[in-house]
PDB file of N, CA and C in Angstrom:
ATOM      1  N   MET A   1     136.465 -80.328  88.321  1.00  0.00           N
ATOM      2  CA  MET A   1     136.402 -79.411  87.203  1.00  0.00           C
ATOM      3  C   MET A   1     136.250 -77.826  87.607  1.00  0.00           C
ATOM      4  N   ASP A   2     136.501 -77.093  86.951  1.00  0.00           N
ATOM      5  CA  ASP A   2     136.122 -75.462  86.863  1.00  0.00           C
ATOM      6  C   ASP A   2     134.859 -75.321  86.323  1.00  0.00           C
ATOM      7  N   LYS A   3     134.088 -74.193  86.810  1.00  0.00           N
ATOM      8  CA  LYS A   3     132.899 -73.842  86.409  1.00  0.00           C
ATOM      9  C   LYS A   3     133.123 -73.071  85.224  1.00  0.00           C
ATOM     10  N   PRO A   4     132.119 -73.548  84.284  1.00  0.00           N
ATOM     11  CA  PRO A   4     132.284 -72.661  82.833  1.00  0.00           C
ATOM     12  C   PRO A   4     132.085 -71.385  82.949  1.00  0.00           C
ATOM     13  N   THR A   5     132.647 -70.334  82.089  1.00  0.00           N
ATOM     14  CA  THR A   5     132.484 -69.106  82.313  1.00  0.00           C
ATOM     15  C   THR A   5     131.877 -68.546  80.796  1.00  0.00           C
ATOM     16  N   LYS A   6     131.680 -69.383  79.763  1.00  0.00           N
ATOM     17  CA  LYS A   6     131.058 -69.082  78.485  1.00  0.00           C
ATOM     18  C   LYS A   6     130.373 -70.073  77.686  1.00  0.00           C
ATOM     19  N   CYS A   7     129.239 -69.786  76.966  1.00  0.00           N
ATOM     20  CA  CYS A   7     128.537 -70.731  76.404  1.00  0.00           C
ATOM     21  C   CYS A   7     129.232 -71.623  75.331  1.00  0.00           C
ATOM     22  N   VAL A   8     129.174 -72.765  75.508  1.00  0.00           N
ATOM     23  CA  VAL A   8     129.780 -73.753  74.488  1.00  0.00           C
ATOM     24  C   VAL A   8     128.664 -74.404  73.657  1.00  0.00           C
ATOM     25  N   PRO A   9     128.851 -74.832  72.319  1.00  0.00           N
ATOM     26  CA  PRO A   9     127.880 -75.727  71.573  1.00  0.00           C
ATOM     27  C   PRO A   9     127.733 -76.825  72.465  1.00  0.00           C
ATOM     28  N   CYS A  10     126.460 -77.481  72.265  1.00  0.00           N
ATOM     29  CA  CYS A  10     126.337 -78.628  72.981  1.00  0.00           C
ATOM     30  C   CYS A  10     125.320 -79.466  71.923  1.00  0.00           C
ATOM     31  N   SER A  11     125.403 -80.778  72.131  1.00  0.00           N
ATOM     32  CA  SER A  11     124.718 -81.976  71.278  1.00  0.00           C
ATOM     33  C   SER A  11     123.774 -82.665  71.947  1.00  0.00           C
ATOM     34  N   SER A  12     122.960 -83.191  71.393  1.00  0.00           N
ATOM     35  CA  SER A  12     121.720 -83.636  71.939  1.00  0.00           C
ATOM     36  C   SER A  12     121.880 -85.084  72.504  1.00  0.00           C
ATOM     37  N   ASP A  13     123.229 -85.751  72.220  1.00  0.00           N
ATOM     38  CA  ASP A  13     123.594 -86.987  73.052  1.00  0.00           C
ATOM     39  C   ASP A  13     124.102 -86.564  74.525  1.00  0.00           C
ATOM     40  N   LEU A  14     124.272 -85.515  74.823  1.00  0.00           N
ATOM     41  CA  LEU A  14     124.881 -85.142  76.078  1.00  0.00           C
ATOM     42  C   LEU A  14     123.899 -85.240  77.290  1.00  0.00           C
ATOM     43  N   PRO A  15     123.943 -85.859  78.476  1.00  0.00           N
ATOM     44  CA  PRO A  15     123.055 -85.972  79.332  1.00  0.00           C
ATOM     45  C   PRO A  15     122.877 -84.585  80.035  1.00  0.00           C
ATOM     46  N   PRO A  16     121.727 -84.310  80.601  1.00  0.00           N
ATOM     47  CA  PRO A  16     121.449 -83.264  81.311  1.00  0.00           C
ATOM     48  C   PRO A  16     122.358 -83.212  82.610  1.00  0.00           C
ATOM     49  N   LEU A  17     122.578 -82.110  83.457  1.00  0.00           N
ATOM     50  CA  LEU A  17     123.320 -82.208  84.773  1.00  0.00           C
ATOM     51  C   LEU A  17     122.591 -82.644  85.531  1.00  0.00           C
ATOM     52  N   ASP A  18     122.945 -83.430  86.564  1.00  0.00           N
ATOM     53  CA  ASP A  18     122.396 -84.203  87.752  1.00  0.00           C
ATOM     54  C   ASP A  18     122.195 -83.067  88.737  1.00  0.00           C
ATOM     55  N   ARG A  19     121.254 -83.183  89.600  1.00  0.00           N
ATOM     56  CA  ARG A  19     120.736 -82.267  90.528  1.00  0.00           C
ATOM     57  C   ARG A  19     121.765 -81.682  91.631  1.00  0.00           C
ATOM     58  N   GLY A  20     122.676 -82.647  91.932  1.00  0.00           N
ATOM     59  CA  GLY A  20     123.830 -81.936  92.703  1.00  0.00           C
ATOM     60  C   GLY A  20     124.822 -81.039  92.176  1.00  0.00           C
ATOM     61  N   LYS A  21     125.145 -81.554  90.915  1.00  0.00           N
ATOM     62  CA  LYS A  21     125.902 -80.476  90.088  1.00  0.00           C
ATOM     63  C   LYS A  21     125.006 -79.118  89.867  1.00  0.00           C
ATOM     64  N   CYS A  22     123.673 -79.127  89.562  1.00  0.00           N
ATOM     65  CA  CYS A  22     122.936 -77.964  89.390  1.00  0.00           C
ATOM     66  C   CYS A  22     122.996 -77.158  90.852  1.00  0.00           C
ATOM     67  N   GLU A  23     122.923 -77.817  91.789  1.00  0.00           N
ATOM     68  CA  GLU A  23     122.862 -77.062  93.153  1.00  0.00           C
ATOM     69  C   GLU A  23     124.157 -76.422  93.539  1.00  0.00           C
ATOM     70  N   GLU A  24     125.324 -77.138  93.089  1.00  0.00           N
ATOM     71  CA  GLU A  24     126.566 -76.361  93.038  1.00  0.00           C
ATOM     72  C   GLU A  24     126.613 -75.343  92.426  1.00  0.00           C
ATOM     73  N   TYR A  25     126.245 -75.353  91.225  1.00  0.00           N
ATOM     74  CA  TYR A  25     126.252 -74.229  90.159  1.00  0.00           C
ATOM     75  C   TYR A  25     125.478 -72.983  90.751  1.00  0.00           C
ATOM     76  N   LEU A  26     124.346 -73.416  91.143  1.00  0.00           N
ATOM     77  CA  LEU A  26     123.547 -72.359  92.065  1.00  0.00           C
ATOM     78  C   LEU A  26     123.965 -71.701  93.071  1.00  0.00           C
ATOM     79  N   ALA A  27     124.762 -72.259  93.703  1.00  0.00           N
ATOM     80  CA  ALA A  27     125.309 -71.740  94.967  1.00  0.00           C
ATOM     81  C   ALA A  27     126.065 -70.142  94.755  1.00  0.00           C
ATOM     82  N   ASP A  28     126.215 -70.089  93.303  1.00  0.00           N
ATOM     83  CA  ASP A  28     127.046 -68.924  92.928  1.00  0.00           C
ATOM     84  C   ASP A  28     126.058 -67.841  92.192  1.00  0.00           C
ATOM     85  N   LEU A  29     124.687 -68.282  92.495  1.00  0.00           N
ATOM     86  CA  LEU A  29     123.894 -67.571  91.596  1.00  0.00           C
ATOM     87  C   LEU A  29     122.442 -67.347  92.497  1.00  0.00           C
ATOM     88  N   PRO A  30     122.569 -66.373  93.816  1.00  0.00           N
ATOM     89  CA  PRO A  30     121.578 -65.969  94.599  1.00  0.00           C
ATOM     90  C   PRO A  30     120.457 -65.604  93.743  1.00  0.00           C
ATOM     91  N   GLY A  31     119.204 -65.834  94.127  1.00  0.00           N
ATOM     92  CA  GLY A  31     118.141 -65.523  93.518  1.00  0.00           C
ATOM     93  C   GLY A  31     117.548 -66.655  92.379  1.00  0.00           C
ATOM     94  N   TRP A  32     118.456 -67.509  91.813  1.00  0.00           N
ATOM     95  CA  TRP A  32     118.144 -68.481  90.833  1.00  0.00           C
ATOM     96  C   TRP A  32     117.658 -69.728  91.621  1.00  0.00           C
ATOM     97  N   GLU A  33     116.467 -70.360  91.056  1.00  0.00           N
ATOM     98  CA  GLU A  33     115.907 -71.461  91.610  1.00  0.00           C
ATOM     99  C   GLU A  33     115.734 -72.538  90.581  1.00  0.00           C
ATOM    100  N   LEU A  34     115.785 -73.722  91.140  1.00  0.00           N
ATOM    101  CA  LEU A  34     115.763 -75.069  90.118  1.00  0.00           C
ATOM    102  C   LEU A  34     114.146 -75.298  90.192  1.00  0.00           C
ATOM    103  N   GLU A  35     113.677 -75.608  88.987  1.00  0.00           N
ATOM    104  CA  GLU A  35     112.379 -75.710  88.467  1.00  0.00           C
ATOM    105  C   GLU A  35     112.296 -77.157  87.718  1.00  0.00           C
ATOM    106  N   ASP A  36     110.914 -77.497  87.654  1.00  0.00           N
ATOM    107  CA  ASP A  36     110.766 -78.579  86.826  1.00  0.00           C
ATOM    108  C   ASP A  36     111.563 -79.740  87.187  1.00  0.00           C
ATOM    109  N   GLU A  37     111.603 -80.187  88.256  1.00  0.00           N
ATOM    110  CA  GLU A  37     112.568 -81.349  88.705  1.00  0.00           C
ATOM    111  C   GLU A  37     113.972 -81.153  88.332  1.00  0.00           C
ATOM    112  N   ALA A  38     114.563 -80.107  88.571  1.00  0.00           N
ATOM    113  CA  ALA A  38     115.974 -79.647  88.302  1.00  0.00           C
ATOM    114  C   ALA A  38     116.193 -79.848  86.437  1.00  0.00           C
ATOM    115  N   ARG A  39     115.371 -79.549  85.977  1.00  0.00           N
ATOM    116  CA  ARG A  39     115.349 -79.327  84.557  1.00  0.00           C
ATOM    117  C   ARG A  39     115.332 -78.033  83.858  1.00  0.00           C
ATOM    118  N   ALA A  40     115.080 -77.127  84.692  1.00  0.00           N
ATOM    119  CA  ALA A  40     115.025 -75.546  84.427  1.00  0.00           C
ATOM    120  C   ALA A  40     115.528 -74.811  85.606  1.00  0.00           C
ATOM    121  N   ILE A  41     115.957 -73.469  85.459  1.00  0.00           N
ATOM    122  CA  ILE A  41     116.260 -72.589  86.343  1.00  0.00           C
ATOM    123  C   ILE A  41     115.731 -71.242  86.093  1.00  0.00           C
ATOM    124  N   ALA A  42     115.237 -70.596  86.974  1.00  0.00           N
ATOM    125  CA  ALA A  42     114.430 -69.160  87.029  1.00  0.00           C
ATOM    126  C   ALA A  42     114.781 -68.402  88.118  1.00  0.00           C
ATOM    127  N   ARG A  43     114.531 -67.040  87.618  1.00  0.00           N
ATOM    128  CA  ARG A  43     114.653 -65.955  88.635  1.00  0.00           C
ATOM    129  C   ARG A  43     113.564 -64.939  88.047  1.00  0.00           C
ATOM    130  N   LYS A  44     112.848 -64.271  89.089  1.00  0.00           N
ATOM    131  CA  LYS A  44     112.143 -63.036  88.680  1.00  0.00           C
ATOM    132  C   LYS A  44     112.848 -61.963  89.256  1.00  0.00           C
ATOM    133  N   TYR A  45     113.031 -60.964  88.194  1.00  0.00           N
ATOM    134  CA  TYR A  45     113.635 -59.533  88.706  1.00  0.00           C
ATOM    135  C   TYR A  45     112.583 -58.528  88.760  1.00  0.00           C
ATOM    136  N   ALA A  46     112.465 -57.725  89.947  1.00  0.00           N
ATOM    137  CA  ALA A  46     111.710 -56.786  89.992  1.00  0.00           C
ATOM    138  C   ALA A  46     111.880 -55.105  89.631  1.00  0.00           C
ATOM    139  N   PHE A  47     111.113 -54.529  89.160  1.00  0.00           N
ATOM    140  CA  PHE A  47     111.430 -53.143  88.568  1.00  0.00           C
ATOM    141  C   PHE A  47     110.290 -52.210  89.001  1.00  0.00           C
ATOM    142  N   LYS A  48     110.711 -50.943  88.815  1.00  0.00           N
ATOM    143  CA  LYS A  48     109.830 -49.671  89.407  1.00  0.00           C
ATOM    144  C   LYS A  48     108.600 -49.720  88.537  1.00  0.00           C
ATOM    145  N   ASN A  49     108.666 -50.005  87.048  1.00  0.00           N
ATOM    146  CA  ASN A  49     107.505 -50.046  86.201  1.00  0.00           C
ATOM    147  C   ASN A  49     107.796 -51.018  85.081  1.00  0.00           C
ATOM    148  N   PHE A  50     106.846 -50.906  84.151  1.00  0.00           N
ATOM    149  CA  PHE A  50     106.718 -51.703  83.103  1.00  0.00           C
ATOM    150  C   PHE A  50     107.995 -51.342  82.005  1.00  0.00           C
ATOM    151  N   VAL A  51     108.180 -50.133  81.971  1.00  0.00           N
ATOM    152  CA  VAL A  51     109.374 -49.715  80.866  1.00  0.00           C
ATOM    153  C   VAL A  51     110.639 -50.197  81.320  1.00  0.00           C
ATOM    154  N   GLN A  52     110.805 -50.296  82.684  1.00  0.00           N
ATOM    155  CA  GLN A  52     112.266 -50.870  82.918  1.00  0.00           C
ATOM    156  C   GLN A  52     112.045 -52.468  82.928  1.00  0.00           C
ATOM    157  N   ALA A  53     111.013 -52.843  83.111  1.00  0.00           N
ATOM    158  CA  ALA A  53     111.054 -54.454  83.052  1.00  0.00           C
ATOM    159  C   ALA A  53     111.367 -54.752  81.308  1.00  0.00           C
ATOM    160  N   MET A  54     110.632 -54.028  80.521  1.00  0.00           N
ATOM    161  CA  MET A  54     110.776 -54.301  79.189  1.00  0.00           C
ATOM    162  C   MET A  54     112.284 -53.930  78.681  1.00  0.00           C
ATOM    163  N   GLU A  55     112.961 -52.953  79.162  1.00  0.00           N
ATOM    164  CA  GLU A  55     114.216 -52.409  78.909  1.00  0.00           C
ATOM    165  C   GLU A  55     115.145 -53.556  79.123  1.00  0.00           C
ATOM    166  N   PHE A  56     115.031 -54.304  80.430  1.00  0.00           N
ATOM    167  CA  PHE A  56     115.568 -55.448  80.883  1.00  0.00           C
ATOM    168  C   PHE A  56     115.305 -56.535  80.010  1.00  0.00           C
ATOM    169  N   ALA A  57     114.378 -56.817  79.697  1.00  0.00           N
ATOM    170  CA  ALA A  57     113.892 -57.974  78.690  1.00  0.00           C
ATOM    171  C   ALA A  57     114.561 -57.781  77.441  1.00  0.00           C
ATOM    172  N   GLY A  58     114.658 -56.709  76.859  1.00  0.00           N
ATOM    173  CA  GLY A  58     115.416 -56.296  75.933  1.00  0.00           C
ATOM    174  C   GLY A  58     116.843 -56.525  75.825  1.00  0.00           C
ATOM    175  N   SER A  59     117.442 -56.134  76.918  1.00  0.00           N
ATOM    176  CA  SER A  59     118.849 -56.513  77.274  1.00  0.00           C
ATOM    177  C   SER A  59     119.197 -57.964  77.397  1.00  0.00           C
ATOM    178  N   VAL A  60     118.222 -58.665  78.088  1.00  0.00           N
ATOM    179  CA  VAL A  60     118.319 -60.270  77.944  1.00  0.00           C
ATOM    180  C   VAL A  60     118.357 -60.615  76.607  1.00  0.00           C
ATOM    181  N   GLY A  61     117.365 -60.222  75.909  1.00  0.00           N
ATOM    182  CA  GLY A  61     117.136 -60.774  74.430  1.00  0.00           C
ATOM    183  C   GLY A  61     118.343 -60.530  73.555  1.00  0.00           C
ATOM    184  N   ARG A  62     119.007 -59.454  73.793  1.00  0.00           N
ATOM    185  CA  ARG A  62     120.231 -59.016  73.127  1.00  0.00           C
ATOM    186  C   ARG A  62     121.607 -59.838  73.431  1.00  0.00           C
ATOM    187  N   LEU A  63     121.458 -60.315  74.709  1.00  0.00           N
ATOM    188  CA  LEU A  63     122.668 -60.995  75.115  1.00  0.00           C
ATOM    189  C   LEU A  63     122.397 -62.487  74.790  1.00  0.00           C
ATOM    190  N   ALA A  64     121.301 -62.925  74.763  1.00  0.00           N
ATOM    191  CA  ALA A  64     120.874 -64.193  74.354  1.00  0.00           C
ATOM    192  C   ALA A  64     121.066 -64.393  72.844  1.00  0.00           C
ATOM    193  N   GLU A  65     120.889 -63.453  71.947  1.00  0.00           N
ATOM    194  CA  GLU A  65     121.308 -63.752  70.722  1.00  0.00           C
ATOM    195  C   GLU A  65     122.871 -63.543  70.441  1.00  0.00           C
ATOM    196  N   GLU A  66     123.486 -62.923  71.125  1.00  0.00           N
ATOM    197  CA  GLU A  66     124.937 -63.022  71.222  1.00  0.00           C
ATOM    198  C   GLU A  66     125.495 -64.136  71.599  1.00  0.00           C
ATOM    199  N   MET A  67     124.979 -64.625  72.648  1.00  0.00           N
ATOM    200  CA  MET A  67     125.525 -65.995  72.883  1.00  0.00           C
ATOM    201  C   MET A  67     125.068 -67.097  72.421  1.00  0.00           C
ATOM    202  N   GLY A  68     123.839 -67.097  71.583  1.00  0.00           N
ATOM    203  CA  GLY A  68     123.103 -68.120  70.972  1.00  0.00           C
ATOM    204  C   GLY A  68     122.524 -69.135  72.184  1.00  0.00           C
ATOM    205  N   HIS A  69     121.916 -68.564  73.159  1.00  0.00           N
ATOM    206  CA  HIS A  69     121.213 -69.352  73.984  1.00  0.00           C
ATOM    207  C   HIS A  69     120.077 -68.680  74.675  1.00  0.00           C
ATOM    208  N   HIS A  70     119.074 -69.097  74.379  1.00  0.00           N
ATOM    209  CA  HIS A  70     117.783 -68.375  74.588  1.00  0.00           C
ATOM    210  C   HIS A  70     116.811 -68.808  75.786  1.00  0.00           C
ATOM    211  N   PRO A  71     116.515 -67.914  76.609  1.00  0.00           N
ATOM    212  CA  PRO A  71     115.762 -68.076  77.805  1.00  0.00           C
ATOM    213  C   PRO A  71     114.141 -67.926  77.403  1.00  0.00           C
ATOM    214  N   VAL A  72     113.449 -68.412  78.187  1.00  0.00           N
ATOM    215  CA  VAL A  72     112.050 -67.974  78.170  1.00  0.00           C
ATOM    216  C   VAL A  72     111.681 -66.756  79.016  1.00  0.00           C
ATOM    217  N   LEU A  73     111.002 -65.554  78.573  1.00  0.00           N
ATOM    218  CA  LEU A  73     110.990 -64.203  79.363  1.00  0.00           C
ATOM    219  C   LEU A  73     109.489 -64.118  79.386  1.00  0.00           C
ATOM    220  N   THR A  74     109.129 -63.729  80.768  1.00  0.00           N
ATOM    221  CA  THR A  74     107.799 -63.451  81.016  1.00  0.00           C
ATOM    222  C   THR A  74     107.832 -62.104  81.474  1.00  0.00           C
ATOM    223  N   VAL A  75     107.100 -61.099  81.245  1.00  0.00           N
ATOM    224  CA  VAL A  75     107.307 -59.555  81.392  1.00  0.00           C
ATOM    225  C   VAL A  75     105.967 -59.103  81.725  1.00  0.00           C
ATOM    226  N   GLY A  76     105.929 -58.337  82.942  1.00  0.00           N
ATOM    227  CA  GLY A  76     104.612 -57.732  83.215  1.00  0.00           C
ATOM    228  C   GLY A  76     104.967 -56.310  83.991  1.00  0.00           C
ATOM    229  N   TRP A  77     104.025 -55.812  84.333  1.00  0.00           N
ATOM    230  CA  TRP A  77     104.315 -54.543  85.085  1.00  0.00           C
ATOM    231  C   TRP A  77     105.127 -54.911  86.280  1.00  0.00           C
ATOM    232  N   GLY A  78     106.517 -54.084  86.385  1.00  0.00           N
ATOM    233  CA  GLY A  78     107.169 -54.447  87.402  1.00  0.00           C
ATOM    234  C   GLY A  78     108.079 -55.349  87.597  1.00  0.00           C
ATOM    235  N   PHE A  79     108.015 -56.315  86.706  1.00  0.00           N
ATOM    236  CA  PHE A  79     108.745 -57.551  86.672  1.00  0.00           C
ATOM    237  C   PHE A  79     109.375 -58.201  85.322  1.00  0.00           C
ATOM    238  N   CYS A  80     110.086 -58.951  85.199  1.00  0.00           N
ATOM    239  CA  CYS A  80     110.640 -59.735  84.215  1.00  0.00           C
ATOM    240  C   CYS A  80     111.317 -61.155  84.983  1.00  0.00           C
ATOM    241  N   ARG A  81     110.743 -62.296  84.281  1.00  0.00           N
ATOM    242  CA  ARG A  81     110.902 -63.606  84.858  1.00  0.00           C
ATOM    243  C   ARG A  81     112.004 -64.120  83.758  1.00  0.00           C
ATOM    244  N   VAL A  82     113.094 -64.875  83.911  1.00  0.00           N
ATOM    245  CA  VAL A  82     113.862 -65.418  83.179  1.00  0.00           C
ATOM    246  C   VAL A  82     114.057 -66.925  83.569  1.00  0.00           C
ATOM    247  N   ARG A  83     113.782 -67.680  82.505  1.00  0.00           N
ATOM    248  CA  ARG A  83     113.889 -69.299  82.882  1.00  0.00           C
ATOM    249  C   ARG A  83     114.814 -69.764  81.567  1.00  0.00           C
ATOM    250  N   PHE A  84     115.736 -70.313  81.989  1.00  0.00           N
ATOM    251  CA  PHE A  84     116.862 -71.225  81.175  1.00  0.00           C
ATOM    252  C   PHE A  84     116.506 -72.785  81.321  1.00  0.00           C
ATOM    253  N   LYS A  85     116.397 -73.335  80.270  1.00  0.00           N
ATOM    254  CA  LYS A  85     116.544 -74.857  80.187  1.00  0.00           C
ATOM    255  C   LYS A  85     117.317 -75.147  78.889  1.00  0.00           C
ATOM    256  N   THR A  86     117.787 -76.216  78.708  1.00  0.00           N
ATOM    257  CA  THR A  86     118.497 -76.660  77.382  1.00  0.00           C
ATOM    258  C   THR A  86     117.493 -77.717  76.768  1.00  0.00           C
ATOM    259  N   SER A  87     116.622 -77.247  75.827  1.00  0.00           N
ATOM    260  CA  SER A  87     115.743 -78.082  75.083  1.00  0.00           C
ATOM    261  C   SER A  87     116.375 -79.203  74.553  1.00  0.00           C
ATOM    262  N   LYS A  88     117.639 -79.263  73.905  1.00  0.00           N
ATOM    263  CA  LYS A  88     118.003 -80.035  73.008  1.00  0.00           C
ATOM    264  C   LYS A  88     118.337 -81.239  74.049  1.00  0.00           C
ATOM    265  N   ILE A  89     118.580 -81.312  75.232  1.00  0.00           N
ATOM    266  CA  ILE A  89     118.847 -82.250  76.215  1.00  0.00           C
ATOM    267  C   ILE A  89     117.830 -82.507  77.085  1.00  0.00           C
ATOM    268  N   ASN A  90     116.648 -81.757  77.218  1.00  0.00           N
ATOM    269  CA  ASN A  90     115.478 -81.436  77.978  1.00  0.00           C
ATOM    270  C   ASN A  90     115.897 -81.629  79.494  1.00  0.00           C
ATOM    271  N   GLY A  91     116.776 -80.528  79.796  1.00  0.00           N
ATOM    272  CA  GLY A  91     117.316 -80.409  80.878  1.00  0.00           C
ATOM    273  C   GLY A  91     118.357 -79.163  81.215  1.00  0.00           C
ATOM    274  N   LEU A  92     119.154 -79.260  82.073  1.00  0.00           N
ATOM    275  CA  LEU A  92     120.081 -78.116  82.490  1.00  0.00           C
ATOM    276  C   LEU A  92     121.524 -78.696  81.909  1.00  0.00           C
ATOM    277  N   HIS A  93     122.302 -77.592  81.250  1.00  0.00           N
ATOM    278  CA  HIS A  93     123.645 -77.771  80.770  1.00  0.00           C
ATOM    279  C   HIS A  93     124.349 -76.591  81.544  1.00  0.00           C
ATOM    280  N   ALA A  94     125.677 -76.748  81.571  1.00  0.00           N
ATOM    281  CA  ALA A  94     126.462 -75.538  82.009  1.00  0.00           C
ATOM    282  C   ALA A  94     126.204 -74.136  81.329  1.00  0.00           C
ATOM    283  N   ASN A  95     125.771 -74.369  80.258  1.00  0.00           N
ATOM    284  CA  ASN A  95     125.185 -72.855  79.598  1.00  0.00           C
ATOM    285  C   ASN A  95     124.250 -72.178  80.361  1.00  0.00           C
ATOM    286  N   ASP A  96     123.332 -73.038  80.690  1.00  0.00           N
ATOM    287  CA  ASP A  96     122.160 -72.462  81.496  1.00  0.00           C
ATOM    288  C   ASP A  96     122.657 -71.336  82.636  1.00  0.00           C
ATOM    289  N   PHE A  97     123.649 -72.037  83.367  1.00  0.00           N
ATOM    290  CA  PHE A  97     124.406 -71.302  84.706  1.00  0.00           C
ATOM    291  C   PHE A  97     125.037 -70.239  83.948  1.00  0.00           C
ATOM    292  N   VAL A  98     125.893 -70.353  83.042  1.00  0.00           N
ATOM    293  CA  VAL A  98     126.659 -69.374  82.332  1.00  0.00           C
ATOM    294  C   VAL A  98     125.800 -68.078  82.170  1.00  0.00           C
ATOM    295  N   MET A  99     124.649 -68.319  81.428  1.00  0.00           N
ATOM    296  CA  MET A  99     123.940 -67.549  80.931  1.00  0.00           C
ATOM    297  C   MET A  99     123.032 -66.731  82.296  1.00  0.00           C
ATOM    298  N   ALA A 100     122.748 -67.526  83.153  1.00  0.00           N
ATOM    299  CA  ALA A 100     122.132 -67.040  84.368  1.00  0.00           C
ATOM    300  C   ALA A 100     123.069 -65.896  84.972  1.00  0.00           C
ATOM    301  N   GLY A 101     124.199 -66.361  85.132  1.00  0.00           N
ATOM    302  CA  GLY A 101     125.583 -65.370  85.743  1.00  0.00           C
ATOM    303  C   GLY A 101     125.350 -64.056  84.799  1.00  0.00           C
ATOM    304  N   LEU A 102     125.418 -64.212  83.635  1.00  0.00           N
ATOM    305  CA  LEU A 102     125.727 -63.225  82.555  1.00  0.00           C
ATOM    306  C   LEU A 102     124.481 -62.063  82.690  1.00  0.00           C
ATOM    307  N   VAL A 103     123.100 -62.721  82.584  1.00  0.00           N
ATOM    308  CA  VAL A 103     121.721 -61.810  83.020  1.00  0.00           C
ATOM    309  C   VAL A 103     121.917 -60.962  84.372  1.00  0.00           C
ATOM    310  N   ASP A 104     122.586 -61.839  85.458  1.00  0.00           N
ATOM    311  CA  ASP A 104     122.773 -61.062  86.801  1.00  0.00           C
ATOM    312  C   ASP A 104     123.820 -59.821  86.532  1.00  0.00           C
ATOM    313  N   LYS A 105     124.746 -59.988  85.591  1.00  0.00           N
ATOM    314  CA  LYS A 105     125.617 -58.748  85.297  1.00  0.00           C
ATOM    315  C   LYS A 105     125.089 -57.547  84.767  1.00  0.00           C
ATOM    316  N   LEU A 106     123.811 -57.730  84.167  1.00  0.00           N
ATOM    317  CA  LEU A 106     123.181 -56.607  83.160  1.00  0.00           C
ATOM    318  C   LEU A 106     123.037 -55.649  83.886  1.00  0.00           C
ATOM    319  N   PRO A 107     123.361 -54.282  83.487  1.00  0.00           N
ATOM    320  CA  PRO A 107     123.062 -53.152  84.210  1.00  0.00           C
ATOM    321  C   PRO A 107     121.742 -52.855  84.680  1.00  0.00           C
ATOM    322  N   LEU A 108     120.540 -53.192  84.119  1.00  0.00           N
ATOM    323  CA  LEU A 108     119.340 -52.834  84.756  1.00  0.00           C
ATOM    324  C   LEU A 108     118.868 -53.734  85.909  1.00  0.00           C
ATOM    325  N   CYS A 109     119.733 -54.712  86.244  1.00  0.00           N
ATOM    326  CA  CYS A 109     119.715 -55.485  87.434  1.00  0.00           C
ATOM    327  C   CYS A 109     119.370 -54.441  88.770  1.00  0.00           C
ATOM    328  N   GLN A 110     120.148 -53.401  88.626  1.00  0.00           N
ATOM    329  CA  GLN A 110     120.430 -52.472  89.801  1.00  0.00           C
ATOM    330  C   GLN A 110     118.793 -51.897  90.197  1.00  0.00           C
ATOM    331  N   TYR A 111     117.849 -51.994  89.394  1.00  0.00           N
ATOM    332  CA  TYR A 111     116.679 -51.416  89.904  1.00  0.00           C
ATOM    333  C   TYR A 111     115.819 -52.113  90.737  1.00  0.00           C
TER     334      TYR A 111
END
């Protein structure tokens, strides 16, 4: 099966991805880590200051709205932590990995 490249609607009757599939998807996402017994993925991005971290968080928020898949963001001086989990299935879905890849491509990741 090919790796997905865009978010697709999912239903609550789908099972979450197993740890092996999650690790396979993570191989293409350096810096992202499994959390919560493979029910979430997260990455912390570093910035030069608070303003850059907030700008990045805003970019992530706009992307999330566009794709209809929303992370938990934690922002502080010089960092923005992004965490994905599909609450509907209490675990990880391919959409979480698609979103992680899209977040990695946002321009402010260069800081």
